[in-house]
Amino acid sequence: MLVMPSVDILAGKCVRLTKGSPGTAKVYYQNPIDAALRWEAEGAEAIHVIDLDAALGLGDNLEIIIDLIKTVSTEVEVGGGIRSLKRALNIYSQGAERVILGSEAVKNPEIVSELSQKIGSRHVMVSLDYKEEKVAVEGWKKVTQHNLFQMASTMERSGAGWILSTSISRDGTFKGVDLSTMEKLVQSVDVDIVASGGVSSLEEISNLKRVGVSGVVIGKAFFEGTLDLKEAIKIGAR
């Protein structure tokens, strides 16, 4: 199971939010590349990078992200505000291992099909973030009526190779991962599932692996030092 530290970028800095709210931003690194280099040095197999400005419609951090990809040797997956095939292909061409589609995939599943045909399903991840099993879009500002599991099936049929799912109500809270929903999601589709939101212990990582999750994204727990990346990777590798 992949254990991926998250590097979220807002206004050019590496931050963490609580429940996706920009007003809760806490800066951990002035330069996000320093965070990526730290995680690479500690053994990360992949780094999860999100452009929060792009996700929120406030601009973008594309130049920083491209520099980050080219600076580290580990895999980098990139998401946040990727709302066109052109932008997705550009990010992939810069060296991203996986391109993460979110709101646009929910609105227009055809973009998932088009991207997977061009770069291969294994490089295409769809982010389905949820509140009470309903998918949220537009930087989590809008909760739709789309059911999480039905939408996951749609994304699978459209060609996604991975589905990232974040419990918005738990993200950045240390309240623990939503294990039951992740287990149900694993059982509902055949693509790789990556869990995110609220992960706060090594036991939770072990439980996610037990139910068949292929990866986990962890942010605040690593930055705050309540979880150790090296120990987490050991759990994921068992």
Protein backbone atom coordinates (compact mmCIF):
# COMPACT_ATOMS: atom_id res chain seq x y z
CA MET A 1 0.00 0.00 0.00
CA LEU A 2 1.33 3.41 -1.00
CA VAL A 3 1.73 5.86 1.87
CA MET A 4 1.77 9.35 0.38
CA PRO A 5 2.52 12.59 2.24
CA SER A 6 0.43 15.48 0.99
CA VAL A 7 1.92 18.80 -0.12
CA ASP A 8 -0.94 21.28 -0.48
CA ILE A 9 -0.04 24.63 -2.02
CA LEU A 10 -1.86 27.89 -1.31
CA ALA A 11 -0.44 31.29 -2.32
CA GLY A 12 2.85 29.61 -3.11
CA LYS A 13 3.28 28.05 0.34
CA CYS A 14 2.88 24.53 1.73
CA VAL A 15 -0.17 24.60 3.99
CA ARG A 16 -2.77 22.37 5.58
CA LEU A 17 -6.44 23.23 5.88
CA THR A 18 -9.09 21.88 8.24
CA LYS A 19 -12.16 20.47 6.45
CA GLY A 20 -11.03 22.25 3.28
CA SER A 21 -11.64 25.76 4.60
CA PRO A 22 -9.09 28.35 3.31
CA GLY A 23 -9.53 30.38 6.47
CA THR A 24 -7.96 27.57 8.50
CA ALA A 25 -4.71 27.48 6.50
CA LYS A 26 -1.59 26.78 8.54
CA VAL A 27 1.74 27.32 6.80
CA TYR A 28 4.31 24.54 7.31
CA TYR A 29 6.85 25.49 4.64
CA GLN A 30 7.35 28.77 2.82
CA ASN A 31 8.63 26.71 -0.13
CA PRO A 32 6.61 23.55 -0.94
CA ILE A 33 9.67 22.01 -2.60
CA ASP A 34 11.37 21.88 0.81
CA ALA A 35 8.46 19.78 2.10
CA ALA A 36 8.70 17.43 -0.89
CA LEU A 37 12.45 17.04 -0.38
CA ARG A 38 11.85 16.21 3.28
CA TRP A 39 9.38 13.48 2.44
CA GLU A 40 11.62 12.09 -0.28
CA ALA A 41 14.53 11.95 2.19
CA GLU A 42 12.32 10.06 4.65
CA GLY A 43 11.53 7.40 2.07
CA ALA A 44 8.24 8.43 0.45
CA GLU A 45 7.51 6.37 -2.66
CA ALA A 46 5.08 9.01 -3.92
CA ILE A 47 4.10 12.56 -3.01
CA HIS A 48 0.56 13.90 -3.34
CA VAL A 49 0.52 17.52 -4.52
CA ILE A 50 -2.62 19.67 -4.61
CA ASP A 51 -2.90 23.18 -6.04
CA LEU A 52 -5.43 24.73 -3.67
CA ASP A 53 -5.48 28.06 -5.47
CA ALA A 54 -6.48 26.34 -8.70
CA ALA A 55 -9.06 24.21 -6.91
CA LEU A 56 -10.61 27.31 -5.35
CA GLY A 57 -10.45 29.38 -8.54
CA LEU A 58 -7.91 31.81 -7.05
CA GLY A 59 -5.08 31.36 -9.58
CA ASP A 60 -2.53 28.59 -9.74
CA ASN A 61 0.88 27.36 -8.59
CA LEU A 62 1.80 25.49 -11.75
CA GLU A 63 5.37 26.78 -11.98
CA ILE A 64 6.11 25.68 -8.41
CA ILE A 65 4.56 22.27 -9.07
CA ILE A 66 6.61 21.73 -12.22
CA ASP A 67 9.78 22.68 -10.32
CA LEU A 68 8.80 20.28 -7.54
CA ILE A 69 8.27 17.39 -9.97
CA LYS A 70 11.65 18.02 -11.57
CA THR A 71 13.45 18.42 -8.22
CA VAL A 72 12.48 15.13 -6.58
CA SER A 73 13.06 11.64 -7.95
CA THR A 74 10.04 10.07 -6.26
CA GLU A 75 6.65 9.73 -7.97
CA VAL A 76 4.46 12.83 -7.83
CA GLU A 77 0.70 12.88 -8.36
CA VAL A 78 -0.89 16.26 -9.02
CA GLY A 79 -4.42 17.57 -8.58
CA GLY A 80 -6.40 20.69 -7.86
CA GLY A 81 -8.31 22.72 -10.42
CA ILE A 82 -7.51 20.53 -13.43
CA ARG A 83 -10.58 21.36 -15.49
CA SER A 84 -9.42 20.80 -19.06
CA LEU A 85 -7.79 18.01 -21.04
CA LYS A 86 -5.09 20.45 -22.14
CA ARG A 87 -4.07 21.26 -18.56
CA ALA A 88 -4.14 17.57 -17.58
CA LEU A 89 -1.91 16.62 -20.50
CA ASN A 90 0.47 19.50 -19.74
CA ILE A 91 0.91 18.38 -16.13
CA TYR A 92 1.48 14.79 -17.23
CA SER A 93 4.02 15.90 -19.82
CA GLN A 94 5.97 17.69 -17.07
CA GLY A 95 6.57 14.37 -15.32
CA ALA A 96 3.59 13.78 -13.02
CA GLU A 97 3.03 10.07 -12.46
CA ARG A 98 -0.70 10.53 -11.94
CA VAL A 99 -3.03 13.37 -12.86
CA ILE A 100 -5.95 13.88 -10.50
CA LEU A 101 -9.28 15.02 -11.90
CA GLY A 102 -11.98 16.20 -9.52
CA SER A 103 -14.91 18.51 -10.15
CA GLU A 104 -14.59 18.36 -13.93
CA ALA A 105 -14.70 14.54 -13.91
CA VAL A 106 -17.94 14.60 -11.91
CA LYS A 107 -19.51 17.12 -14.28
CA ASN A 108 -18.07 15.61 -17.44
CA PRO A 109 -16.95 11.94 -17.16
CA GLU A 110 -15.93 12.08 -20.82
CA ILE A 111 -12.76 13.94 -19.83
CA VAL A 112 -11.71 10.84 -17.86
CA SER A 113 -12.21 8.68 -20.94
CA GLU A 114 -10.27 11.08 -23.16
CA LEU A 115 -7.37 11.39 -20.72
CA SER A 116 -7.10 7.66 -20.04
CA GLN A 117 -7.04 6.97 -23.77
CA LYS A 118 -4.15 9.38 -24.22
CA ILE A 119 -1.95 8.55 -21.21
CA GLY A 120 -3.30 5.24 -19.88
CA SER A 121 -5.64 4.48 -16.99
CA ARG A 122 -2.79 3.86 -14.55
CA HIS A 123 -1.90 7.55 -14.79
CA VAL A 124 -5.45 8.81 -14.25
CA MET A 125 -6.85 9.34 -10.74
CA VAL A 126 -10.28 10.76 -9.96
CA SER A 127 -10.87 12.52 -6.66
CA LEU A 128 -14.30 11.84 -5.14
CA ASP A 129 -14.50 13.79 -1.91
CA TYR A 130 -17.63 13.40 0.14
CA LYS A 131 -19.90 14.43 2.98
CA GLU A 132 -22.36 11.78 4.15
CA GLU A 133 -21.70 9.74 0.98
CA LYS A 134 -22.51 12.70 -1.31
CA VAL A 135 -19.77 13.92 -3.66
CA ALA A 136 -18.55 17.51 -3.23
CA VAL A 137 -17.05 19.66 -6.00
CA GLU A 138 -15.52 23.11 -6.59
CA GLY A 139 -12.93 22.93 -3.85
CA TRP A 140 -15.48 21.23 -1.55
CA LYS A 141 -17.69 24.32 -1.63
CA LYS A 142 -20.64 22.54 -3.27
CA VAL A 143 -22.11 19.20 -2.19
CA THR A 144 -23.91 17.47 -5.06
CA GLN A 145 -26.60 14.80 -4.98
CA HIS A 146 -24.24 12.27 -6.58
CA ASN A 147 -23.81 9.14 -4.49
CA LEU A 148 -20.16 8.32 -3.81
CA PHE A 149 -20.36 4.66 -4.78
CA GLN A 150 -22.41 5.19 -7.92
CA MET A 151 -20.04 7.92 -9.04
CA ALA A 152 -17.07 5.64 -8.38
CA SER A 153 -18.61 3.07 -10.72
CA THR A 154 -19.10 5.75 -13.35
CA MET A 155 -15.45 6.79 -13.07
CA GLU A 156 -14.32 3.18 -13.35
CA ARG A 157 -16.35 2.73 -16.55
CA SER A 158 -14.91 5.99 -17.86
CA GLY A 159 -11.36 4.71 -17.56
CA ALA A 160 -9.98 5.93 -14.23
CA GLY A 161 -7.28 3.68 -12.85
CA TRP A 162 -7.41 5.15 -9.35
CA ILE A 163 -10.03 6.74 -7.13
CA LEU A 164 -8.98 9.05 -4.32
CA SER A 165 -11.65 9.58 -1.71
CA THR A 166 -11.50 12.11 1.09
CA SER A 167 -13.89 12.40 4.02
CA ILE A 168 -14.32 16.17 4.13
CA SER A 169 -15.76 16.16 7.65
CA ARG A 170 -12.62 14.40 8.92
CA ASP A 171 -9.92 16.08 6.83
CA GLY A 172 -7.32 17.75 9.01
CA THR A 173 -9.17 16.88 12.22
CA PHE A 174 -7.26 13.83 13.58
CA LYS A 175 -10.69 12.21 14.12
CA GLY A 176 -9.67 9.01 12.37
CA VAL A 177 -10.21 7.65 8.90
CA ASP A 178 -13.70 6.70 7.68
CA LEU A 179 -12.84 3.00 7.47
CA SER A 180 -16.34 1.66 6.82
CA THR A 181 -16.85 3.91 3.80
CA MET A 182 -13.40 3.02 2.43
CA GLU A 183 -14.14 -0.69 2.81
CA LYS A 184 -17.46 -0.28 1.00
CA LEU A 185 -15.75 1.70 -1.76
CA VAL A 186 -13.12 -1.02 -2.25
CA GLN A 187 -15.92 -3.55 -2.60
CA SER A 188 -17.91 -1.44 -5.06
CA VAL A 189 -15.25 -1.06 -7.79
CA ASP A 190 -12.21 -2.90 -9.12
CA VAL A 191 -9.86 0.10 -9.48
CA ASP A 192 -7.28 1.12 -6.88
CA ILE A 193 -8.69 3.11 -3.96
CA VAL A 194 -6.70 5.76 -2.11
CA ALA A 195 -8.06 6.94 1.24
CA SER A 196 -7.66 10.40 2.74
CA GLY A 197 -9.01 12.48 5.58
CA GLY A 198 -8.45 12.22 9.32
CA VAL A 199 -5.76 9.51 9.36
CA SER A 200 -4.12 9.76 12.77
CA SER A 201 -2.59 6.41 13.76
CA LEU A 202 -0.52 3.50 12.49
CA GLU A 203 -3.40 1.19 13.40
CA GLU A 204 -5.65 3.03 10.95
CA ILE A 205 -3.08 2.56 8.20
CA SER A 206 -2.97 -1.15 9.00
CA ASN A 207 -6.77 -1.34 8.93
CA LEU A 208 -6.93 0.41 5.56
CA LYS A 209 -4.50 -2.10 4.14
CA ARG A 210 -6.52 -4.95 5.63
CA VAL A 211 -9.71 -3.87 3.85
CA GLY A 212 -7.94 -3.61 0.51
CA VAL A 213 -7.12 0.08 0.12
CA SER A 214 -4.20 0.59 -2.31
CA GLY A 215 -2.95 3.88 -0.93
CA VAL A 216 -3.37 6.49 1.76
CA VAL A 217 -2.73 10.24 1.69
CA ILE A 218 -1.68 11.80 4.98
CA GLY A 219 -1.09 15.48 5.61
CA LYS A 220 -1.43 17.15 8.97
CA ALA A 221 -0.44 14.08 11.03
CA PHE A 222 2.95 13.99 9.30
CA PHE A 223 3.49 17.75 9.47
CA GLU A 224 2.52 17.91 13.14
CA GLY A 225 4.70 14.90 13.98
CA THR A 226 1.91 12.77 15.42
CA LEU A 227 2.68 10.13 12.80
CA ASP A 228 6.12 9.10 11.55
CA LEU A 229 6.43 8.61 7.79
CA LYS A 230 9.05 5.87 8.03
CA GLU A 231 6.89 3.85 10.43
CA ALA A 232 3.83 4.40 8.28
CA ILE A 233 5.68 3.13 5.21
CA LYS A 234 6.69 0.00 7.09
CA ILE A 235 3.03 -0.69 7.89
CA GLY A 236 2.06 -0.16 4.27
CA ALA A 237 4.78 -2.51 3.03
CA ARG A 238 3.86 -5.46 5.27
